[in-house]
Protein backbone atom coordinates (compact mmCIF):
# COMPACT_ATOMS: atom_id res chain seq x y z
CA MET A 1 -19.07 1.80 2.72
CA ALA A 2 -18.60 -0.37 -0.39
CA THR A 3 -21.65 -1.35 -2.12
CA PRO A 4 -22.06 -4.99 -2.85
CA GLY A 5 -21.29 -4.47 -6.59
CA LYS A 6 -18.16 -2.57 -5.76
CA ARG A 7 -17.07 -5.30 -3.44
CA LEU A 8 -17.60 -7.86 -6.09
CA MET A 9 -15.77 -5.75 -8.84
CA LYS A 10 -12.94 -4.96 -6.41
CA VAL A 11 -13.17 -1.25 -6.80
CA LYS A 12 -13.76 1.47 -4.24
CA VAL A 13 -14.41 5.11 -3.92
CA VAL A 14 -11.51 7.46 -2.60
CA LYS A 15 -10.90 11.18 -2.62
CA ILE A 16 -8.98 12.42 -5.38
CA ASP A 17 -5.94 12.55 -3.45
CA GLY A 18 -6.35 8.67 -2.78
CA THR A 19 -7.36 9.12 0.99
CA ARG A 20 -10.65 7.80 2.33
CA ALA A 21 -13.78 9.40 1.20
CA THR A 22 -15.92 11.11 3.89
CA PHE A 23 -19.75 10.31 4.45
CA TYR A 24 -20.61 13.83 2.77
CA GLN A 25 -18.63 12.73 -0.24
CA TYR A 26 -20.56 9.31 -0.63
CA PHE A 27 -23.73 11.40 -0.13
CA ILE A 28 -22.90 13.72 -2.96
CA ARG A 29 -22.09 10.92 -5.16
CA TRP A 30 -25.42 9.07 -4.27
CA ILE A 31 -27.57 12.31 -4.99
CA SER A 32 -25.70 12.86 -8.31
CA ASN A 33 -26.96 9.51 -9.51
CA THR A 34 -30.18 11.27 -10.22
CA VAL A 35 -28.45 13.30 -12.89
CA ASP A 36 -25.63 10.96 -13.86
CA ILE A 37 -27.58 7.75 -14.33
CA PHE A 38 -31.34 8.26 -14.18
CA LEU A 39 -32.15 11.39 -15.87
CA SER A 40 -29.77 10.85 -18.85
CA MET A 41 -30.06 6.94 -18.77
CA GLY A 42 -26.35 6.73 -17.98
CA GLY A 43 -25.32 8.91 -21.03
CA LEU A 44 -23.96 11.98 -18.95
CA GLY A 45 -22.09 9.55 -16.53
CA ILE A 46 -20.48 7.66 -19.53
CA LEU A 47 -19.69 10.86 -21.23
CA SER A 48 -18.16 12.49 -18.23
CA ILE A 49 -15.97 9.25 -17.50
CA ILE A 50 -14.83 9.27 -21.14
CA LEU A 51 -13.94 13.01 -21.12
CA THR A 52 -12.37 13.39 -17.56
CA LYS A 53 -8.81 13.15 -16.73
CA ASN A 54 -9.51 10.73 -13.84
CA SER A 55 -12.28 8.92 -15.55
CA GLN A 56 -14.88 10.52 -13.19
CA ARG A 57 -18.52 10.69 -13.57
CA LEU A 58 -20.37 13.86 -12.76
CA GLY A 59 -21.04 12.64 -9.11
CA ASP A 60 -17.37 12.14 -8.56
CA LEU A 61 -16.59 15.53 -9.87
CA ALA A 62 -19.07 17.06 -7.65
CA ALA A 63 -17.67 15.16 -4.49
CA ASP A 64 -14.00 15.23 -5.55
CA THR A 65 -13.74 11.59 -5.60
CA THR A 66 -12.84 8.82 -7.93
CA VAL A 67 -13.13 5.13 -8.23
CA ILE A 68 -10.10 2.98 -7.94
CA ASN A 69 -9.23 -0.71 -8.86
CA ILE A 70 -8.13 -2.68 -5.70
CA LYS A 71 -7.52 -6.07 -7.49
CA GLU A 72 -4.02 -7.39 -7.33
CA ASP A 73 -2.54 -7.49 -10.80
CA LEU A 74 -0.61 -10.64 -10.86
CA ASN A 75 -0.73 -12.24 -14.28
CA LEU A 76 1.71 -13.37 -16.92
CA LYS A 77 1.52 -10.13 -18.79
CA VAL A 78 3.29 -8.55 -15.84
CA THR A 79 6.21 -11.20 -16.40
CA LEU A 80 8.61 -10.60 -19.07
CA PHE A 81 8.99 -13.64 -21.28
CA GLU A 82 10.74 -13.77 -24.78
CA GLU A 83 11.53 -16.85 -26.79
CA LEU A 84 15.41 -16.97 -27.41
CA THR A 85 17.48 -19.11 -29.64
CA ALA A 86 20.45 -20.93 -27.98
CA GLU A 87 22.98 -18.89 -29.87
CA HIS A 88 21.45 -15.34 -28.78
CA ARG A 89 24.06 -12.76 -28.28
CA VAL A 90 23.40 -9.47 -26.67
CA THR A 91 23.54 -6.60 -29.25
CA TYR A 92 22.50 -3.81 -26.87
CA PRO A 93 24.04 -4.04 -23.36
CA GLU A 94 22.47 -0.55 -22.77
CA VAL A 95 19.12 -2.43 -22.14
CA VAL A 96 20.20 -2.67 -18.51
CA ARG A 97 18.82 0.85 -18.20
CA LEU A 98 15.27 -0.42 -18.65
CA THR A 99 13.19 -2.02 -16.04
CA ASP A 100 11.00 -5.06 -16.55
CA GLN A 101 8.02 -2.67 -16.62
CA ASP A 102 9.65 -0.40 -19.28
CA VAL A 103 10.23 -3.53 -21.39
CA ASN A 104 6.73 -4.76 -20.86
CA GLN A 105 5.35 -1.54 -21.92
CA ILE A 106 7.54 -1.28 -25.00
CA LYS A 107 6.54 -5.03 -25.96
CA GLU A 108 2.99 -3.99 -25.44
CA ILE A 109 3.08 -0.94 -27.60
CA PHE A 110 5.16 -2.68 -30.28
CA GLU A 111 2.57 -5.68 -30.51
CA THR A 112 -0.25 -3.37 -30.58
CA ALA A 113 1.22 -1.14 -33.30
CA LYS A 114 2.28 -4.15 -35.31
CA SER A 115 -1.31 -5.80 -35.06
CA ARG A 116 -2.68 -2.59 -36.35
CA LYS A 117 -0.02 -2.23 -39.00
CA ASN A 118 0.79 1.18 -37.78
CA TYR A 119 4.45 1.76 -38.77
CA GLY A 120 4.42 5.34 -37.54
CA ILE A 121 3.97 4.10 -33.97
CA VAL A 122 6.64 1.60 -34.50
CA LEU A 123 9.06 4.23 -35.78
CA ALA A 124 8.27 6.67 -32.95
CA LEU A 125 8.78 3.73 -30.28
CA ALA A 126 12.10 2.79 -31.80
CA THR A 127 13.20 6.55 -32.00
CA ARG A 128 12.28 6.98 -28.16
CA VAL A 129 13.92 3.68 -27.14
CA GLU A 130 17.11 4.85 -28.93
CA ILE A 131 17.08 8.20 -27.02
CA LEU A 132 16.39 6.38 -23.63
CA LEU A 133 19.34 3.93 -24.26
CA GLY A 134 21.59 6.57 -25.94
CA ILE A 135 22.15 4.59 -29.03
CA LYS A 136 21.57 4.73 -32.64
CA SER A 137 20.44 1.49 -34.29
CA GLN A 138 21.13 0.63 -38.01
CA LEU A 139 18.28 -1.88 -38.05
CA ALA A 140 14.80 -1.34 -39.15
CA PRO A 141 12.48 -0.44 -36.25
CA GLU A 142 10.53 -3.60 -36.73
CA ASP A 143 13.67 -5.49 -36.18
CA PHE A 144 15.24 -3.28 -33.55
CA ILE A 145 12.39 -3.40 -30.84
CA PRO A 146 12.21 -7.20 -30.75
CA LEU A 147 15.90 -7.34 -30.29
CA ILE A 148 15.71 -4.80 -27.46
CA ILE A 149 13.09 -7.11 -25.78
CA GLN A 150 15.21 -10.22 -26.40
CA ASP A 151 18.43 -8.62 -25.07
CA HIS A 152 16.80 -7.42 -21.80
CA TYR A 153 15.16 -11.00 -21.34
CA TYR A 154 18.73 -12.56 -21.82
CA ILE A 155 20.41 -10.39 -19.44
CA TYR A 156 17.95 -10.98 -16.74
CA ARG A 157 16.76 -14.41 -17.53
CA ASP A 158 18.25 -16.09 -14.37
CA LYS A 159 17.79 -13.15 -11.97
């Protein structure tokens, strides 16, 4: 029962538990458009999306549904890549405990914090990585995190 817009955007409506929504739930969502979108010019819908845990508009809350993305996320961001020098040596072999997804997330948080010049986030990230790996680094957090990323890439580069 996807609308052309939902098909185009590659999203679909499902029950909050992830199963297929019923006709009744679609109907409740449709009826709720009157309040969500038309009476408040979209303001209530946007506000409820921002404030709810599952980014639901009022119609979704009433129908116990949510909208999910069904696009396949295959992009370079998912692939971990890090420039290494020929003479790189692994400093922290404990990085084998981290998955590619963990390291991608660490890299993304680090780069975002660095671009925003938020040293507090870099420090908190470094502390969390030390705890995860069971190590204590003597390096500054802004040097430690890139080294963790490089070590992970180096260990798994040919796998």
